[in-house]
Amino acid sequence: MSRLVSLLNKRTLTLIVKLPENSIEMAKVAEDAGADAVCISYSEDEDAIKRIIKVLNIPIGMSLDENILTGPEMKDFKRLGFDFINIPSNDAPDHLLEIGGLGRILSLDQDYNEIDLTRLSDRPIDGVEAAVIVPEEWGKELTVGDLQQYITIAMSTTLPVIIPAQKSIRASEVPIIWDTGAKAIMIGENVIGDNVQSMKAVIKEYRSAMESIKQ
Protein backbone atom coordinates (compact mmCIF):
# COMPACT_ATOMS: atom_id res chain seq x y z
CA MET A 1 0.00 0.00 0.00
CA SER A 2 1.07 3.58 -0.65
CA ARG A 3 2.63 5.07 2.48
CA LEU A 4 0.66 8.28 2.00
CA VAL A 5 -2.61 6.37 1.81
CA SER A 6 -1.67 4.54 5.01
CA LEU A 7 -1.05 7.90 6.73
CA LEU A 8 -4.37 9.29 5.49
CA ASN A 9 -6.19 6.32 6.96
CA LYS A 10 -4.36 6.25 10.29
CA ARG A 11 -3.32 9.78 11.28
CA THR A 12 -5.54 12.47 12.73
CA LEU A 13 -4.30 14.93 10.11
CA THR A 14 -1.51 14.54 7.56
CA LEU A 15 0.74 17.37 6.38
CA ILE A 16 1.70 17.35 2.69
CA VAL A 17 4.05 19.99 1.29
CA LYS A 18 3.96 20.85 -2.40
CA LEU A 19 7.45 22.08 -3.18
CA PRO A 20 7.79 25.51 -4.85
CA GLU A 21 10.60 23.99 -6.91
CA ASN A 22 11.73 20.45 -7.64
CA SER A 23 14.71 21.01 -5.38
CA ILE A 24 16.69 18.59 -3.20
CA GLU A 25 17.30 21.32 -0.63
CA MET A 26 13.63 22.23 -0.39
CA ALA A 27 12.64 18.58 -0.16
CA LYS A 28 14.98 18.00 2.78
CA VAL A 29 13.88 21.20 4.52
CA ALA A 30 10.25 20.11 4.20
CA GLU A 31 11.00 16.70 5.69
CA ASP A 32 13.17 18.05 8.50
CA ALA A 33 10.57 20.70 9.42
CA GLY A 34 7.83 18.11 9.87
CA ALA A 35 6.15 17.31 6.54
CA ASP A 36 4.58 13.85 6.40
CA ALA A 37 4.88 13.76 2.60
CA VAL A 38 5.97 16.01 -0.26
CA CYS A 39 4.60 16.52 -3.74
CA ILE A 40 6.61 17.78 -6.71
CA SER A 41 5.45 19.22 -10.01
CA TYR A 42 5.38 17.30 -13.27
CA SER A 43 8.83 16.88 -14.79
CA GLU A 44 10.41 14.78 -17.52
CA ASP A 45 13.84 15.17 -15.90
CA GLU A 46 14.27 11.64 -14.56
CA ASP A 47 17.72 12.29 -13.10
CA ALA A 48 16.49 15.24 -11.04
CA ILE A 49 13.57 13.17 -9.79
CA LYS A 50 15.86 10.33 -8.75
CA ARG A 51 18.07 12.71 -6.78
CA ILE A 52 15.11 14.11 -4.83
CA ILE A 53 13.60 10.71 -4.10
CA LYS A 54 16.96 9.35 -2.96
CA VAL A 55 17.37 11.89 -0.13
CA LEU A 56 13.85 11.56 1.32
CA ASN A 57 12.56 9.13 3.91
CA ILE A 58 8.94 10.30 3.61
CA PRO A 59 6.47 9.56 0.79
CA ILE A 60 6.89 11.62 -2.37
CA GLY A 61 4.32 12.15 -5.08
CA MET A 62 3.95 13.96 -8.37
CA SER A 63 1.23 16.37 -9.37
CA LEU A 64 0.45 15.63 -13.01
CA ASP A 65 -1.66 18.73 -13.61
CA GLU A 66 -2.79 18.51 -17.23
CA ASN A 67 0.13 16.33 -18.29
CA ILE A 68 -1.51 12.92 -18.31
CA LEU A 69 0.91 10.18 -19.22
CA THR A 70 0.42 6.79 -20.80
CA GLY A 71 0.20 3.61 -18.76
CA PRO A 72 3.81 2.43 -19.29
CA GLU A 73 5.20 5.83 -18.29
CA MET A 74 3.12 5.76 -15.14
CA LYS A 75 4.68 2.42 -14.23
CA ASP A 76 8.05 4.13 -14.54
CA PHE A 77 6.92 6.46 -11.76
CA LYS A 78 6.58 3.47 -9.49
CA ARG A 79 10.02 2.22 -10.54
CA LEU A 80 11.51 5.61 -9.73
CA GLY A 81 10.17 5.39 -6.20
CA PHE A 82 7.11 7.62 -6.25
CA ASP A 83 4.54 6.77 -3.60
CA PHE A 84 1.52 8.59 -5.05
CA ILE A 85 0.22 10.55 -8.02
CA ASN A 86 -2.19 13.46 -8.13
CA ILE A 87 -4.45 13.52 -11.19
CA PRO A 88 -7.08 16.14 -12.15
CA SER A 89 -10.59 14.73 -12.21
CA ASN A 90 -11.32 15.88 -15.75
CA ASP A 91 -8.26 14.01 -17.08
CA ALA A 92 -8.38 10.79 -15.11
CA PRO A 93 -8.86 7.83 -17.44
CA ASP A 94 -9.28 4.55 -15.62
CA HIS A 95 -6.24 2.95 -17.25
CA LEU A 96 -4.06 5.37 -15.27
CA LEU A 97 -5.89 4.91 -12.00
CA GLU A 98 -5.76 1.14 -12.23
CA ILE A 99 -1.95 0.94 -12.07
CA GLY A 100 -1.10 -0.76 -8.78
CA GLY A 101 1.50 0.22 -6.23
CA LEU A 102 0.87 3.97 -6.34
CA GLY A 103 -1.50 6.01 -4.22
CA ARG A 104 -4.04 7.60 -6.56
CA ILE A 105 -5.31 11.02 -5.52
CA LEU A 106 -8.06 12.54 -7.64
CA SER A 107 -8.05 16.34 -7.70
CA LEU A 108 -11.48 17.93 -7.89
CA ASP A 109 -11.79 21.42 -9.38
CA GLN A 110 -14.40 24.18 -9.10
CA ASP A 111 -16.76 22.16 -11.30
CA TYR A 112 -16.91 19.30 -8.80
CA ASN A 113 -20.70 19.64 -8.48
CA GLU A 114 -20.94 17.85 -11.82
CA ILE A 115 -19.36 14.74 -10.25
CA ASP A 116 -21.27 12.20 -8.18
CA LEU A 117 -19.06 12.32 -5.09
CA THR A 118 -20.88 9.41 -3.50
CA ARG A 119 -19.66 7.13 -6.31
CA LEU A 120 -15.98 8.09 -6.20
CA SER A 121 -15.16 5.19 -3.92
CA ASP A 122 -16.39 2.85 -6.67
CA ARG A 123 -13.41 3.91 -8.79
CA PRO A 124 -9.78 2.85 -8.21
CA ILE A 125 -9.03 6.01 -6.20
CA ASP A 126 -7.35 6.26 -2.79
CA GLY A 127 -8.07 9.89 -1.89
CA VAL A 128 -9.61 13.16 -3.04
CA GLU A 129 -7.98 16.58 -3.23
CA ALA A 130 -10.61 19.30 -2.78
CA ALA A 131 -9.05 21.93 -5.07
CA VAL A 132 -12.45 23.55 -5.52
CA ILE A 133 -11.72 27.25 -4.98
CA VAL A 134 -12.25 29.39 -8.08
CA PRO A 135 -9.06 31.09 -9.35
CA GLU A 136 -10.33 34.58 -8.54
CA GLU A 137 -10.39 33.64 -4.84
CA TRP A 138 -6.94 32.05 -4.61
CA GLY A 139 -4.76 33.55 -1.89
CA LYS A 140 -7.65 35.19 -0.03
CA GLU A 141 -8.75 34.38 3.51
CA LEU A 142 -10.91 31.36 4.29
CA THR A 143 -14.65 31.96 4.39
CA VAL A 144 -17.56 30.05 5.89
CA GLY A 145 -18.56 29.17 2.33
CA ASP A 146 -15.17 27.55 1.70
CA LEU A 147 -15.47 25.48 4.84
CA GLN A 148 -18.97 24.41 3.90
CA GLN A 149 -17.69 23.16 0.53
CA TYR A 150 -15.03 21.10 2.30
CA ILE A 151 -17.60 19.69 4.73
CA THR A 152 -19.92 18.74 1.87
CA ILE A 153 -17.15 16.89 0.05
CA ALA A 154 -15.95 15.09 3.18
CA MET A 155 -19.50 14.00 4.02
CA SER A 156 -20.22 12.86 0.46
CA THR A 157 -17.40 10.33 0.12
CA THR A 158 -15.81 7.63 2.23
CA LEU A 159 -12.41 8.48 0.72
CA PRO A 160 -9.92 10.59 2.71
CA VAL A 161 -10.08 14.25 1.68
CA ILE A 162 -7.02 16.47 1.23
CA ILE A 163 -7.48 20.24 1.49
CA PRO A 164 -4.95 22.19 -0.63
CA ALA A 165 -4.11 25.69 0.58
CA GLN A 166 -5.59 27.53 -2.39
CA LYS A 167 -6.76 30.06 0.16
CA SER A 168 -4.32 31.72 2.55
CA ILE A 169 -4.77 29.14 5.27
CA ARG A 170 -2.88 29.94 8.47
CA ALA A 171 -1.46 27.43 10.90
CA SER A 172 -3.93 28.71 13.49
CA GLU A 173 -6.75 27.57 11.19
CA VAL A 174 -5.58 23.95 11.09
CA PRO A 175 -8.16 22.83 13.71
CA ILE A 176 -10.93 24.42 11.63
CA ILE A 177 -9.81 22.46 8.57
CA TRP A 178 -9.75 19.28 10.64
CA ASP A 179 -13.30 19.99 11.82
CA THR A 180 -14.50 19.81 8.21
CA GLY A 181 -13.67 16.11 8.16
CA ALA A 182 -10.49 16.48 6.10
CA LYS A 183 -7.67 14.00 6.60
CA ALA A 184 -4.82 16.11 5.22
CA ILE A 185 -3.72 19.63 4.33
CA MET A 186 -1.43 20.33 1.39
CA ILE A 187 0.46 23.61 1.65
CA GLY A 188 2.43 25.17 -1.18
CA GLU A 189 4.22 28.34 -2.20
CA ASN A 190 1.39 30.75 -1.43
CA VAL A 191 1.61 29.65 2.23
CA ILE A 192 5.21 28.53 2.77
CA GLY A 193 6.94 31.04 0.52
CA ASP A 194 9.59 30.38 -2.10
CA ASN A 195 12.74 30.08 0.01
CA VAL A 196 14.00 27.55 2.52
CA GLN A 197 13.97 29.95 5.46
CA SER A 198 10.25 30.73 5.20
CA MET A 199 9.46 27.11 4.34
CA LYS A 200 11.13 25.82 7.47
CA ALA A 201 9.36 28.28 9.78
CA VAL A 202 5.88 27.80 8.32
CA ILE A 203 6.02 24.01 8.09
CA LYS A 204 7.09 23.85 11.74
CA GLU A 205 4.08 25.99 12.67
CA TYR A 206 1.74 23.65 10.82
CA ARG A 207 3.36 20.59 12.36
CA SER A 208 2.91 22.05 15.83
CA ALA A 209 -0.73 22.94 15.11
CA MET A 210 -1.46 19.40 13.93
CA GLU A 211 0.22 17.81 16.91
CA SER A 212 -1.95 19.90 19.23
CA ILE A 213 -5.22 18.52 17.82
CA LYS A 214 -7.00 16.27 20.30
CA GLN A 215 -9.56 13.79 19.04
C-alpha atoms as a PDB file:
ATOM      1  CA  MET A   1       0.000   0.000   0.000  1.00  0.00           C
ATOM      2  CA  SER A   2       1.067   3.584  -0.646  1.00  0.00           C
ATOM      3  CA  ARG A   3       2.633   5.073   2.480  1.00  0.00           C
ATOM      4  CA  LEU A   4       0.658   8.282   2.000  1.00  0.00           C
ATOM      5  CA  VAL A   5      -2.608   6.366   1.815  1.00  0.00           C
ATOM      6  CA  SER A   6      -1.668   4.542   5.012  1.00  0.00           C
ATOM      7  CA  LEU A   7      -1.050   7.896   6.729  1.00  0.00           C
ATOM      8  CA  LEU A   8      -4.368   9.293   5.491  1.00  0.00           C
ATOM      9  CA  ASN A   9      -6.187   6.325   6.962  1.00  0.00           C
ATOM     10  CA  LYS A  10      -4.359   6.255  10.292  1.00  0.00           C
ATOM     11  CA  ARG A  11      -3.323   9.784  11.283  1.00  0.00           C
ATOM     12  CA  THR A  12      -5.536  12.469  12.731  1.00  0.00           C
ATOM     13  CA  LEU A  13      -4.302  14.933  10.111  1.00  0.00           C
ATOM     14  CA  THR A  14      -1.511  14.544   7.559  1.00  0.00           C
ATOM     15  CA  LEU A  15       0.739  17.370   6.377  1.00  0.00           C
ATOM     16  CA  ILE A  16       1.703  17.350   2.691  1.00  0.00           C
ATOM     17  CA  VAL A  17       4.050  19.988   1.294  1.00  0.00           C
ATOM     18  CA  LYS A  18       3.955  20.854  -2.399  1.00  0.00           C
ATOM     19  CA  LEU A  19       7.449  22.081  -3.183  1.00  0.00           C
ATOM     20  CA  PRO A  20       7.794  25.514  -4.851  1.00  0.00           C
ATOM     21  CA  GLU A  21      10.603  23.986  -6.912  1.00  0.00           C
ATOM     22  CA  ASN A  22      11.733  20.453  -7.638  1.00  0.00           C
ATOM     23  CA  SER A  23      14.715  21.014  -5.376  1.00  0.00           C
ATOM     24  CA  ILE A  24      16.686  18.589  -3.200  1.00  0.00           C
ATOM     25  CA  GLU A  25      17.305  21.322  -0.635  1.00  0.00           C
ATOM     26  CA  MET A  26      13.629  22.232  -0.387  1.00  0.00           C
ATOM     27  CA  ALA A  27      12.643  18.577  -0.165  1.00  0.00           C
ATOM     28  CA  LYS A  28      14.981  17.995   2.776  1.00  0.00           C
ATOM     29  CA  VAL A  29      13.884  21.196   4.518  1.00  0.00           C
ATOM     30  CA  ALA A  30      10.246  20.106   4.204  1.00  0.00           C
ATOM     31  CA  GLU A  31      10.999  16.698   5.689  1.00  0.00           C
ATOM     32  CA  ASP A  32      13.169  18.048   8.504  1.00  0.00           C
ATOM     33  CA  ALA A  33      10.573  20.699   9.415  1.00  0.00           C
ATOM     34  CA  GLY A  34       7.828  18.114   9.867  1.00  0.00           C
ATOM     35  CA  ALA A  35       6.148  17.309   6.541  1.00  0.00           C
ATOM     36  CA  ASP A  36       4.576  13.849   6.396  1.00  0.00           C
ATOM     37  CA  ALA A  37       4.879  13.761   2.595  1.00  0.00           C
ATOM     38  CA  VAL A  38       5.974  16.007  -0.265  1.00  0.00           C
ATOM     39  CA  CYS A  39       4.603  16.524  -3.740  1.00  0.00           C
ATOM     40  CA  ILE A  40       6.611  17.778  -6.705  1.00  0.00           C
ATOM     41  CA  SER A  41       5.449  19.224 -10.012  1.00  0.00           C
ATOM     42  CA  TYR A  42       5.385  17.300 -13.273  1.00  0.00           C
ATOM     43  CA  SER A  43       8.830  16.880 -14.790  1.00  0.00           C
ATOM     44  CA  GLU A  44      10.408  14.778 -17.520  1.00  0.00           C
ATOM     45  CA  ASP A  45      13.844  15.169 -15.901  1.00  0.00           C
ATOM     46  CA  GLU A  46      14.269  11.642 -14.558  1.00  0.00           C
ATOM     47  CA  ASP A  47      17.725  12.289 -13.101  1.00  0.00           C
ATOM     48  CA  ALA A  48      16.487  15.244 -11.039  1.00  0.00           C
ATOM     49  CA  ILE A  49      13.570  13.169  -9.794  1.00  0.00           C
ATOM     50  CA  LYS A  50      15.859  10.331  -8.751  1.00  0.00           C
ATOM     51  CA  ARG A  51      18.070  12.711  -6.780  1.00  0.00           C
ATOM     52  CA  ILE A  52      15.109  14.114  -4.828  1.00  0.00           C
ATOM     53  CA  ILE A  53      13.605  10.711  -4.097  1.00  0.00           C
ATOM     54  CA  LYS A  54      16.964   9.350  -2.962  1.00  0.00           C
ATOM     55  CA  VAL A  55      17.369  11.888  -0.130  1.00  0.00           C
ATOM     56  CA  LEU A  56      13.852  11.561   1.318  1.00  0.00           C
ATOM     57  CA  ASN A  57      12.560   9.131   3.911  1.00  0.00           C
ATOM     58  CA  ILE A  58       8.944  10.302   3.610  1.00  0.00           C
ATOM     59  CA  PRO A  59       6.475   9.563   0.785  1.00  0.00           C
ATOM     60  CA  ILE A  60       6.890  11.623  -2.372  1.00  0.00           C
ATOM     61  CA  GLY A  61       4.317  12.150  -5.081  1.00  0.00           C
ATOM     62  CA  MET A  62       3.953  13.959  -8.371  1.00  0.00           C
ATOM     63  CA  SER A  63       1.227  16.373  -9.375  1.00  0.00           C
ATOM     64  CA  LEU A  64       0.453  15.627 -13.011  1.00  0.00           C
ATOM     65  CA  ASP A  65      -1.656  18.727 -13.610  1.00  0.00           C
ATOM     66  CA  GLU A  66      -2.786  18.510 -17.232  1.00  0.00           C
ATOM     67  CA  ASN A  67       0.132  16.334 -18.287  1.00  0.00           C
ATOM     68  CA  ILE A  68      -1.506  12.920 -18.310  1.00  0.00           C
ATOM     69  CA  LEU A  69       0.907  10.183 -19.223  1.00  0.00           C
ATOM     70  CA  THR A  70       0.424   6.790 -20.798  1.00  0.00           C
ATOM     71  CA  GLY A  71       0.202   3.609 -18.759  1.00  0.00           C
ATOM     72  CA  PRO A  72       3.810   2.430 -19.286  1.00  0.00           C
ATOM     73  CA  GLU A  73       5.197   5.826 -18.294  1.00  0.00           C
ATOM     74  CA  MET A  74       3.115   5.761 -15.141  1.00  0.00           C
ATOM     75  CA  LYS A  75       4.678   2.423 -14.227  1.00  0.00           C
ATOM     76  CA  ASP A  76       8.051   4.129 -14.538  1.00  0.00           C
ATOM     77  CA  PHE A  77       6.921   6.464 -11.756  1.00  0.00           C
ATOM     78  CA  LYS A  78       6.576   3.471  -9.487  1.00  0.00           C
ATOM     79  CA  ARG A  79      10.020   2.222 -10.541  1.00  0.00           C
ATOM     80  CA  LEU A  80      11.513   5.612  -9.731  1.00  0.00           C
ATOM     81  CA  GLY A  81      10.173   5.386  -6.199  1.00  0.00           C
ATOM     82  CA  PHE A  82       7.108   7.619  -6.249  1.00  0.00           C
ATOM     83  CA  ASP A  83       4.535   6.770  -3.605  1.00  0.00           C
ATOM     84  CA  PHE A  84       1.516   8.592  -5.047  1.00  0.00           C
ATOM     85  CA  ILE A  85       0.221  10.551  -8.023  1.00  0.00           C
ATOM     86  CA  ASN A  86      -2.188  13.461  -8.128  1.00  0.00           C
ATOM     87  CA  ILE A  87      -4.451  13.523 -11.188  1.00  0.00           C
ATOM     88  CA  PRO A  88      -7.075  16.141 -12.154  1.00  0.00           C
ATOM     89  CA  SER A  89     -10.591  14.725 -12.211  1.00  0.00           C
ATOM     90  CA  ASN A  90     -11.322  15.879 -15.749  1.00  0.00           C
ATOM     91  CA  ASP A  91      -8.256  14.015 -17.076  1.00  0.00           C
ATOM     92  CA  ALA A  92      -8.380  10.789 -15.110  1.00  0.00           C
ATOM     93  CA  PRO A  93      -8.855   7.827 -17.440  1.00  0.00           C
ATOM     94  CA  ASP A  94      -9.276   4.547 -15.616  1.00  0.00           C
ATOM     95  CA  HIS A  95      -6.239   2.953 -17.249  1.00  0.00           C
ATOM     96  CA  LEU A  96      -4.058   5.365 -15.267  1.00  0.00           C
ATOM     97  CA  LEU A  97      -5.894   4.911 -12.004  1.00  0.00           C
ATOM     98  CA  GLU A  98      -5.757   1.143 -12.229  1.00  0.00           C
ATOM     99  CA  ILE A  99      -1.952   0.943 -12.067  1.00  0.00           C
ATOM    100  CA  GLY A 100      -1.097  -0.757  -8.777  1.00  0.00           C
ATOM    101  CA  GLY A 101       1.504   0.223  -6.228  1.00  0.00           C
ATOM    102  CA  LEU A 102       0.866   3.970  -6.345  1.00  0.00           C
ATOM    103  CA  GLY A 103      -1.497   6.010  -4.218  1.00  0.00           C
ATOM    104  CA  ARG A 104      -4.040   7.599  -6.557  1.00  0.00           C
ATOM    105  CA  ILE A 105      -5.306  11.019  -5.519  1.00  0.00           C
ATOM    106  CA  LEU A 106      -8.060  12.540  -7.641  1.00  0.00           C
ATOM    107  CA  SER A 107      -8.050  16.338  -7.700  1.00  0.00           C
ATOM    108  CA  LEU A 108     -11.484  17.934  -7.889  1.00  0.00           C
ATOM    109  CA  ASP A 109     -11.791  21.425  -9.377  1.00  0.00           C
ATOM    110  CA  GLN A 110     -14.399  24.182  -9.100  1.00  0.00           C
ATOM    111  CA  ASP A 111     -16.765  22.159 -11.299  1.00  0.00           C
ATOM    112  CA  TYR A 112     -16.913  19.305  -8.803  1.00  0.00           C
ATOM    113  CA  ASN A 113     -20.695  19.643  -8.485  1.00  0.00           C
ATOM    114  CA  GLU A 114     -20.943  17.845 -11.821  1.00  0.00           C
ATOM    115  CA  ILE A 115     -19.361  14.739 -10.248  1.00  0.00           C
ATOM    116  CA  ASP A 116     -21.268  12.205  -8.180  1.00  0.00           C
ATOM    117  CA  LEU A 117     -19.062  12.322  -5.089  1.00  0.00           C
ATOM    118  CA  THR A 118     -20.881   9.408  -3.497  1.00  0.00           C
ATOM    119  CA  ARG A 119     -19.659   7.134  -6.305  1.00  0.00           C
ATOM    120  CA  LEU A 120     -15.978   8.086  -6.204  1.00  0.00           C
ATOM    121  CA  SER A 121     -15.157   5.190  -3.917  1.00  0.00           C
ATOM    122  CA  ASP A 122     -16.389   2.852  -6.665  1.00  0.00           C
ATOM    123  CA  ARG A 123     -13.409   3.914  -8.793  1.00  0.00           C
ATOM    124  CA  PRO A 124      -9.777   2.855  -8.206  1.00  0.00           C
ATOM    125  CA  ILE A 125      -9.027   6.007  -6.196  1.00  0.00           C
ATOM    126  CA  ASP A 126      -7.354   6.264  -2.787  1.00  0.00           C
ATOM    127  CA  GLY A 127      -8.070   9.891  -1.893  1.00  0.00           C
ATOM    128  CA  VAL A 128      -9.614  13.165  -3.039  1.00  0.00           C
ATOM    129  CA  GLU A 129      -7.983  16.583  -3.234  1.00  0.00           C
ATOM    130  CA  ALA A 130     -10.607  19.299  -2.779  1.00  0.00           C
ATOM    131  CA  ALA A 131      -9.047  21.933  -5.069  1.00  0.00           C
ATOM    132  CA  VAL A 132     -12.455  23.552  -5.521  1.00  0.00           C
ATOM    133  CA  ILE A 133     -11.716  27.251  -4.981  1.00  0.00           C
ATOM    134  CA  VAL A 134     -12.250  29.386  -8.081  1.00  0.00           C
ATOM    135  CA  PRO A 135      -9.060  31.089  -9.351  1.00  0.00           C
ATOM    136  CA  GLU A 136     -10.329  34.585  -8.539  1.00  0.00           C
ATOM    137  CA  GLU A 137     -10.391  33.638  -4.840  1.00  0.00           C
ATOM    138  CA  TRP A 138      -6.940  32.054  -4.610  1.00  0.00           C
ATOM    139  CA  GLY A 139      -4.763  33.545  -1.892  1.00  0.00           C
ATOM    140  CA  LYS A 140      -7.647  35.193  -0.031  1.00  0.00           C
ATOM    141  CA  GLU A 141      -8.749  34.384   3.513  1.00  0.00           C
ATOM    142  CA  LEU A 142     -10.909  31.365   4.290  1.00  0.00           C
ATOM    143  CA  THR A 143     -14.653  31.956   4.394  1.00  0.00           C
ATOM    144  CA  VAL A 144     -17.561  30.053   5.893  1.00  0.00           C
ATOM    145  CA  GLY A 145     -18.558  29.171   2.334  1.00  0.00           C
ATOM    146  CA  ASP A 146     -15.173  27.554   1.703  1.00  0.00           C
ATOM    147  CA  LEU A 147     -15.472  25.483   4.844  1.00  0.00           C
ATOM    148  CA  GLN A 148     -18.974  24.413   3.896  1.00  0.00           C
ATOM    149  CA  GLN A 149     -17.692  23.163   0.534  1.00  0.00           C
ATOM    150  CA  TYR A 150     -15.026  21.098   2.298  1.00  0.00           C
ATOM    151  CA  ILE A 151     -17.601  19.686   4.733  1.00  0.00           C
ATOM    152  CA  THR A 152     -19.923  18.743   1.869  1.00  0.00           C
ATOM    153  CA  ILE A 153     -17.154  16.888   0.051  1.00  0.00           C
ATOM    154  CA  ALA A 154     -15.947  15.086   3.182  1.00  0.00           C
ATOM    155  CA  MET A 155     -19.503  13.999   4.017  1.00  0.00           C
ATOM    156  CA  SER A 156     -20.216  12.856   0.456  1.00  0.00           C
ATOM    157  CA  THR A 157     -17.397  10.330   0.122  1.00  0.00           C
ATOM    158  CA  THR A 158     -15.815   7.635   2.234  1.00  0.00           C
ATOM    159  CA  LEU A 159     -12.411   8.479   0.722  1.00  0.00           C
ATOM    160  CA  PRO A 160      -9.924  10.591   2.709  1.00  0.00           C
ATOM    161  CA  VAL A 161     -10.085  14.248   1.677  1.00  0.00           C
ATOM    162  CA  ILE A 162      -7.022  16.468   1.230  1.00  0.00           C
ATOM    163  CA  ILE A 163      -7.476  20.241   1.489  1.00  0.00           C
ATOM    164  CA  PRO A 164      -4.949  22.186  -0.630  1.00  0.00           C
ATOM    165  CA  ALA A 165      -4.110  25.687   0.576  1.00  0.00           C
ATOM    166  CA  GLN A 166      -5.586  27.528  -2.387  1.00  0.00           C
ATOM    167  CA  LYS A 167      -6.765  30.059   0.158  1.00  0.00           C
ATOM    168  CA  SER A 168      -4.321  31.724   2.547  1.00  0.00           C
ATOM    169  CA  ILE A 169      -4.768  29.140   5.272  1.00  0.00           C
ATOM    170  CA  ARG A 170      -2.878  29.944   8.467  1.00  0.00           C
ATOM    171  CA  ALA A 171      -1.462  27.429  10.897  1.00  0.00           C
ATOM    172  CA  SER A 172      -3.932  28.708  13.489  1.00  0.00           C
ATOM    173  CA  GLU A 173      -6.754  27.573  11.190  1.00  0.00           C
ATOM    174  CA  VAL A 174      -5.579  23.953  11.087  1.00  0.00           C
ATOM    175  CA  PRO A 175      -8.163  22.834  13.710  1.00  0.00           C
ATOM    176  CA  ILE A 176     -10.935  24.421  11.626  1.00  0.00           C
ATOM    177  CA  ILE A 177      -9.813  22.457   8.566  1.00  0.00           C
ATOM    178  CA  TRP A 178      -9.751  19.275  10.642  1.00  0.00           C
ATOM    179  CA  ASP A 179     -13.299  19.990  11.822  1.00  0.00           C
ATOM    180  CA  THR A 180     -14.501  19.811   8.209  1.00  0.00           C
ATOM    181  CA  GLY A 181     -13.666  16.110   8.157  1.00  0.00           C
ATOM    182  CA  ALA A 182     -10.492  16.482   6.099  1.00  0.00           C
ATOM    183  CA  LYS A 183      -7.671  14.000   6.602  1.00  0.00           C
ATOM    184  CA  ALA A 184      -4.815  16.110   5.218  1.00  0.00           C
ATOM    185  CA  ILE A 185      -3.717  19.627   4.328  1.00  0.00           C
ATOM    186  CA  MET A 186      -1.427  20.328   1.387  1.00  0.00           C
ATOM    187  CA  ILE A 187       0.464  23.605   1.650  1.00  0.00           C
ATOM    188  CA  GLY A 188       2.430  25.172  -1.183  1.00  0.00           C
ATOM    189  CA  GLU A 189       4.217  28.340  -2.203  1.00  0.00           C
ATOM    190  CA  ASN A 190       1.388  30.752  -1.426  1.00  0.00           C
ATOM    191  CA  VAL A 191       1.605  29.653   2.231  1.00  0.00           C
ATOM    192  CA  ILE A 192       5.209  28.526   2.775  1.00  0.00           C
ATOM    193  CA  GLY A 193       6.938  31.044   0.516  1.00  0.00           C
ATOM    194  CA  ASP A 194       9.588  30.385  -2.102  1.00  0.00           C
ATOM    195  CA  ASN A 195      12.736  30.084   0.015  1.00  0.00           C
ATOM    196  CA  VAL A 196      14.005  27.545   2.525  1.00  0.00           C
ATOM    197  CA  GLN A 197      13.968  29.952   5.460  1.00  0.00           C
ATOM    198  CA  SER A 198      10.251  30.728   5.199  1.00  0.00           C
ATOM    199  CA  MET A 199       9.458  27.107   4.338  1.00  0.00           C
ATOM    200  CA  LYS A 200      11.127  25.817   7.474  1.00  0.00           C
ATOM    201  CA  ALA A 201       9.356  28.276   9.779  1.00  0.00           C
ATOM    202  CA  VAL A 202       5.876  27.804   8.316  1.00  0.00           C
ATOM    203  CA  ILE A 203       6.024  24.015   8.089  1.00  0.00           C
ATOM    204  CA  LYS A 204       7.089  23.848  11.737  1.00  0.00           C
ATOM    205  CA  GLU A 205       4.083  25.990  12.674  1.00  0.00           C
ATOM    206  CA  TYR A 206       1.737  23.651  10.822  1.00  0.00           C
ATOM    207  CA  ARG A 207       3.357  20.587  12.360  1.00  0.00           C
ATOM    208  CA  SER A 208       2.908  22.048  15.827  1.00  0.00           C
ATOM    209  CA  ALA A 209      -0.732  22.938  15.106  1.00  0.00           C
ATOM    210  CA  MET A 210      -1.456  19.396  13.928  1.00  0.00           C
ATOM    211  CA  GLU A 211       0.223  17.806  16.915  1.00  0.00           C
ATOM    212  CA  SER A 212      -1.953  19.898  19.227  1.00  0.00           C
ATOM    213  CA  ILE A 213      -5.223  18.515  17.824  1.00  0.00           C
ATOM    214  CA  LYS A 214      -6.999  16.273  20.304  1.00  0.00           C
ATOM    215  CA  GLN A 215      -9.559  13.788  19.037  1.00  0.00           C
END
